[in-house]
N, C-alpha and C. Protein backbone atom coordinates (compact mmCIF):
# COMPACT_ATOMS: atom_id res chain seq x y z
N MET A 1 0.85 -1.17 0.00
CA MET A 1 0.00 0.00 0.00
C MET A 1 0.89 1.23 0.00
N GLU A 2 0.61 2.16 -0.86
CA GLU A 2 1.42 3.36 -0.97
C GLU A 2 0.56 4.57 -0.64
N ILE A 3 1.11 5.45 0.18
CA ILE A 3 0.40 6.68 0.55
C ILE A 3 1.13 7.83 -0.10
N GLY A 4 0.42 8.58 -0.93
CA GLY A 4 1.03 9.71 -1.61
C GLY A 4 0.94 10.96 -0.77
N PRO A 5 1.72 11.97 -1.12
CA PRO A 5 1.68 13.22 -0.36
C PRO A 5 0.33 13.92 -0.54
N THR A 6 -0.11 14.52 0.53
CA THR A 6 -1.34 15.31 0.47
C THR A 6 -0.97 16.75 0.16
N SER A 7 -1.96 17.53 -0.14
CA SER A 7 -1.67 18.93 -0.44
C SER A 7 -1.10 19.65 0.78
N ALA A 8 -1.47 19.24 1.99
CA ALA A 8 -0.96 19.88 3.20
C ALA A 8 0.53 19.63 3.36
N THR A 9 0.97 18.40 3.11
CA THR A 9 2.40 18.13 3.27
C THR A 9 3.20 18.79 2.16
N ALA A 10 2.62 18.89 0.97
CA ALA A 10 3.32 19.57 -0.11
C ALA A 10 3.52 21.04 0.23
N ASP A 11 2.53 21.68 0.86
CA ASP A 11 2.67 23.08 1.27
C ASP A 11 3.75 23.25 2.33
N ILE A 12 3.85 22.29 3.23
CA ILE A 12 4.88 22.36 4.28
C ILE A 12 6.26 22.33 3.64
N HIS A 13 6.45 21.44 2.69
CA HIS A 13 7.75 21.34 2.04
C HIS A 13 8.08 22.62 1.28
N LYS A 14 7.08 23.25 0.68
CA LYS A 14 7.32 24.51 -0.03
C LYS A 14 7.76 25.59 0.95
N ALA A 15 7.11 25.63 2.12
CA ALA A 15 7.44 26.64 3.13
C ALA A 15 8.85 26.43 3.65
N ASP A 16 9.24 25.17 3.85
CA ASP A 16 10.58 24.88 4.33
C ASP A 16 11.64 25.26 3.31
N ALA A 17 11.32 25.13 2.04
CA ALA A 17 12.30 25.40 1.00
C ALA A 17 12.43 26.88 0.69
N ALA A 18 11.44 27.68 1.07
CA ALA A 18 11.47 29.10 0.74
C ALA A 18 12.56 29.79 1.55
N PRO A 19 13.38 30.63 0.93
CA PRO A 19 14.43 31.33 1.68
C PRO A 19 13.81 32.39 2.60
N ALA A 20 14.45 32.58 3.74
CA ALA A 20 13.98 33.59 4.68
C ALA A 20 14.33 34.96 4.15
N ARG A 21 13.45 35.91 4.38
CA ARG A 21 13.73 37.28 3.94
C ARG A 21 14.63 37.95 4.97
N PRO A 22 15.71 38.55 4.54
CA PRO A 22 16.59 39.23 5.51
C PRO A 22 15.92 40.50 6.02
N LEU A 23 16.31 40.88 7.27
CA LEU A 23 15.83 42.12 7.85
C LEU A 23 16.53 43.29 7.18
N PRO A 24 15.87 44.41 7.11
CA PRO A 24 16.54 45.60 6.56
C PRO A 24 17.79 45.93 7.39
N ALA A 25 18.79 46.49 6.75
CA ALA A 25 20.05 46.82 7.43
C ALA A 25 19.79 47.73 8.62
N GLY A 26 20.44 47.41 9.75
CA GLY A 26 20.33 48.25 10.94
C GLY A 26 19.08 48.00 11.76
N SER A 27 18.31 46.97 11.44
CA SER A 27 17.10 46.72 12.23
C SER A 27 17.22 45.37 12.91
N ALA A 28 16.47 45.22 13.96
CA ALA A 28 16.43 43.97 14.72
C ALA A 28 14.97 43.55 14.84
N PRO A 29 14.74 42.28 15.13
CA PRO A 29 13.35 41.86 15.31
C PRO A 29 12.71 42.65 16.44
N ALA A 30 11.47 42.99 16.25
CA ALA A 30 10.76 43.78 17.26
C ALA A 30 10.44 42.91 18.47
N ALA A 31 10.78 43.41 19.66
CA ALA A 31 10.46 42.71 20.90
C ALA A 31 9.09 43.18 21.37
N PRO A 32 8.32 42.30 21.96
CA PRO A 32 7.02 42.73 22.46
C PRO A 32 7.19 43.75 23.58
N GLN A 33 6.40 44.76 23.57
CA GLN A 33 6.47 45.81 24.57
C GLN A 33 5.43 45.55 25.66
N PRO A 34 5.84 45.62 26.94
CA PRO A 34 4.87 45.40 28.01
C PRO A 34 3.88 46.56 28.07
N ALA A 35 2.68 46.24 28.45
CA ALA A 35 1.68 47.28 28.63
C ALA A 35 2.01 48.08 29.87
N ALA A 36 1.58 49.30 29.93
CA ALA A 36 1.89 50.17 31.07
C ALA A 36 1.32 49.63 32.37
N ASP A 37 0.24 48.87 32.29
CA ASP A 37 -0.39 48.37 33.51
C ASP A 37 -0.02 46.93 33.83
N ASP A 38 1.01 46.36 33.16
CA ASP A 38 1.47 45.01 33.46
C ASP A 38 2.10 45.00 34.85
N SER A 39 1.87 43.93 35.59
CA SER A 39 2.49 43.80 36.91
C SER A 39 2.64 42.33 37.25
N VAL A 40 3.52 42.05 38.20
CA VAL A 40 3.76 40.69 38.66
C VAL A 40 3.65 40.70 40.17
N ASP A 41 2.92 39.74 40.72
CA ASP A 41 2.82 39.59 42.16
C ASP A 41 3.53 38.31 42.55
N LEU A 42 4.52 38.42 43.45
CA LEU A 42 5.27 37.27 43.91
C LEU A 42 4.67 36.75 45.22
N THR A 43 4.63 35.44 45.37
CA THR A 43 4.18 34.87 46.62
C THR A 43 5.28 35.02 47.66
N ASP A 44 4.94 34.80 48.92
CA ASP A 44 5.96 34.87 49.98
C ASP A 44 7.06 33.85 49.73
N GLY A 45 6.67 32.66 49.27
CA GLY A 45 7.67 31.62 48.97
C GLY A 45 8.61 32.05 47.87
N ALA A 46 8.09 32.70 46.84
CA ALA A 46 8.93 33.17 45.74
C ALA A 46 9.87 34.27 46.22
N ARG A 47 9.39 35.13 47.09
CA ARG A 47 10.27 36.18 47.64
C ARG A 47 11.38 35.56 48.49
N GLN A 48 11.03 34.56 49.31
CA GLN A 48 12.05 33.90 50.12
C GLN A 48 13.08 33.21 49.24
N LEU A 49 12.61 32.57 48.18
CA LEU A 49 13.53 31.91 47.26
C LEU A 49 14.45 32.93 46.60
N GLN A 50 13.90 34.06 46.22
CA GLN A 50 14.70 35.12 45.61
C GLN A 50 15.76 35.63 46.60
N ASP A 51 15.38 35.81 47.87
CA ASP A 51 16.33 36.24 48.89
C ASP A 51 17.42 35.19 49.11
N LEU A 52 17.04 33.91 49.13
CA LEU A 52 18.02 32.84 49.31
C LEU A 52 18.99 32.77 48.14
N GLN A 53 18.46 32.94 46.94
CA GLN A 53 19.33 32.93 45.76
C GLN A 53 20.34 34.07 45.83
N ALA A 54 19.91 35.23 46.28
CA ALA A 54 20.82 36.36 46.40
C ALA A 54 21.88 36.08 47.47
N ALA A 55 21.47 35.47 48.58
CA ALA A 55 22.42 35.16 49.65
C ALA A 55 23.44 34.13 49.19
N VAL A 56 22.99 33.11 48.47
CA VAL A 56 23.92 32.09 47.96
C VAL A 56 24.87 32.70 46.95
N ALA A 57 24.37 33.56 46.09
CA ALA A 57 25.22 34.19 45.09
C ALA A 57 26.28 35.07 45.74
N ALA A 58 25.97 35.65 46.90
CA ALA A 58 26.92 36.53 47.58
C ALA A 58 27.92 35.76 48.44
N THR A 59 27.67 34.47 48.68
CA THR A 59 28.55 33.66 49.52
C THR A 59 29.71 33.14 48.67
N PRO A 60 30.94 33.33 49.15
CA PRO A 60 32.07 32.82 48.37
C PRO A 60 32.06 31.29 48.33
N VAL A 61 32.52 30.74 47.23
CA VAL A 61 32.55 29.29 47.07
C VAL A 61 33.61 28.67 47.98
N VAL A 62 34.70 29.39 48.21
CA VAL A 62 35.80 28.89 49.03
C VAL A 62 35.97 29.82 50.23
N ASP A 63 36.10 29.21 51.41
CA ASP A 63 36.36 29.97 52.63
C ASP A 63 37.87 30.21 52.72
N SER A 64 38.30 31.35 52.21
CA SER A 64 39.73 31.65 52.11
C SER A 64 40.44 31.64 53.46
N VAL A 65 39.78 32.09 54.50
CA VAL A 65 40.38 32.13 55.83
C VAL A 65 40.65 30.71 56.32
N ARG A 66 39.67 29.82 56.13
CA ARG A 66 39.85 28.43 56.58
C ARG A 66 40.93 27.74 55.76
N VAL A 67 40.95 27.98 54.46
CA VAL A 67 41.99 27.38 53.61
C VAL A 67 43.37 27.83 54.06
N ALA A 68 43.53 29.10 54.37
CA ALA A 68 44.82 29.62 54.82
C ALA A 68 45.22 28.98 56.15
N ALA A 69 44.25 28.82 57.06
CA ALA A 69 44.56 28.21 58.36
C ALA A 69 44.97 26.75 58.18
N LEU A 70 44.28 26.02 57.33
CA LEU A 70 44.64 24.62 57.09
C LEU A 70 46.00 24.52 56.41
N ARG A 71 46.26 25.40 55.47
CA ARG A 71 47.56 25.40 54.78
C ARG A 71 48.69 25.63 55.78
N ASP A 72 48.49 26.59 56.70
CA ASP A 72 49.52 26.87 57.70
C ASP A 72 49.71 25.68 58.64
N ALA A 73 48.58 25.05 59.06
CA ALA A 73 48.68 23.91 59.98
C ALA A 73 49.41 22.74 59.32
N ILE A 74 49.13 22.50 58.06
CA ILE A 74 49.82 21.42 57.35
C ILE A 74 51.30 21.76 57.19
N ALA A 75 51.61 23.01 56.85
CA ALA A 75 52.99 23.42 56.63
C ALA A 75 53.83 23.33 57.90
N ASN A 76 53.24 23.68 59.05
CA ASN A 76 54.04 23.65 60.29
C ASN A 76 53.90 22.34 61.06
N GLY A 77 53.14 21.36 60.50
CA GLY A 77 53.06 20.04 61.10
C GLY A 77 52.06 19.91 62.23
N SER A 78 51.23 20.91 62.47
CA SER A 78 50.28 20.84 63.58
C SER A 78 48.92 20.27 63.17
N TYR A 79 48.71 20.03 61.89
CA TYR A 79 47.42 19.49 61.43
C TYR A 79 47.38 17.99 61.72
N ARG A 80 46.31 17.56 62.38
CA ARG A 80 46.14 16.15 62.72
C ARG A 80 44.82 15.67 62.14
N VAL A 81 44.84 14.50 61.55
CA VAL A 81 43.64 13.89 61.00
C VAL A 81 42.97 13.07 62.09
N ASP A 82 41.68 13.31 62.32
CA ASP A 82 40.91 12.54 63.30
C ASP A 82 40.17 11.45 62.54
N ALA A 83 40.81 10.28 62.45
CA ALA A 83 40.26 9.17 61.68
C ALA A 83 38.89 8.75 62.20
N GLN A 84 38.70 8.78 63.51
CA GLN A 84 37.41 8.37 64.08
C GLN A 84 36.30 9.32 63.65
N ALA A 85 36.58 10.61 63.64
CA ALA A 85 35.57 11.59 63.22
C ALA A 85 35.23 11.41 61.74
N ILE A 86 36.23 11.11 60.91
CA ILE A 86 35.97 10.89 59.49
C ILE A 86 35.12 9.63 59.30
N ALA A 87 35.47 8.55 60.00
CA ALA A 87 34.70 7.31 59.90
C ALA A 87 33.26 7.52 60.37
N ASP A 88 33.09 8.23 61.48
CA ASP A 88 31.74 8.51 61.98
C ASP A 88 30.93 9.31 60.97
N GLY A 89 31.55 10.28 60.34
CA GLY A 89 30.87 11.09 59.33
C GLY A 89 30.46 10.27 58.12
N LEU A 90 31.35 9.39 57.65
CA LEU A 90 31.02 8.53 56.51
C LEU A 90 29.87 7.60 56.84
N LEU A 91 29.89 7.01 58.04
CA LEU A 91 28.79 6.12 58.45
C LEU A 91 27.48 6.88 58.57
N ALA A 92 27.54 8.09 59.09
CA ALA A 92 26.32 8.90 59.21
C ALA A 92 25.73 9.22 57.83
N GLN A 93 26.60 9.52 56.86
CA GLN A 93 26.12 9.78 55.49
C GLN A 93 25.47 8.55 54.90
N ASP A 94 26.08 7.38 55.11
CA ASP A 94 25.52 6.14 54.60
C ASP A 94 24.16 5.85 55.23
N ARG A 95 24.08 6.04 56.53
CA ARG A 95 22.80 5.80 57.22
C ARG A 95 21.72 6.74 56.70
N ALA A 96 22.08 7.99 56.48
CA ALA A 96 21.11 8.96 55.97
C ALA A 96 20.69 8.60 54.55
N ALA A 97 21.62 8.15 53.73
CA ALA A 97 21.31 7.81 52.34
C ALA A 97 20.43 6.55 52.26
N LEU A 98 20.67 5.62 53.16
CA LEU A 98 19.90 4.37 53.14
C LEU A 98 18.56 4.50 53.85
N GLY A 99 18.39 5.56 54.59
CA GLY A 99 17.10 5.81 55.25
C GLY A 99 17.00 5.13 56.53
């Protein structure tokens, strides 16, 4: 059984093959302009989220003071690894992940 193209699909192919018309020199596509009475109301949750995002963005990714203190402790030999605390932390993470 063979299905031939319908007039609708033929029109689609014609539209795809047609070259796009360039914009006049020095112009850009028109952006929709908001109406003078447009407004947005944020919920309390959205405001809190916005505040949290701003706080996170303002927080440095690296605590430079702590890094410097650890670097100094390692350099002068006073840094000690607490293996028990590390093991306890790993077990606590596993327990939390497993529920």
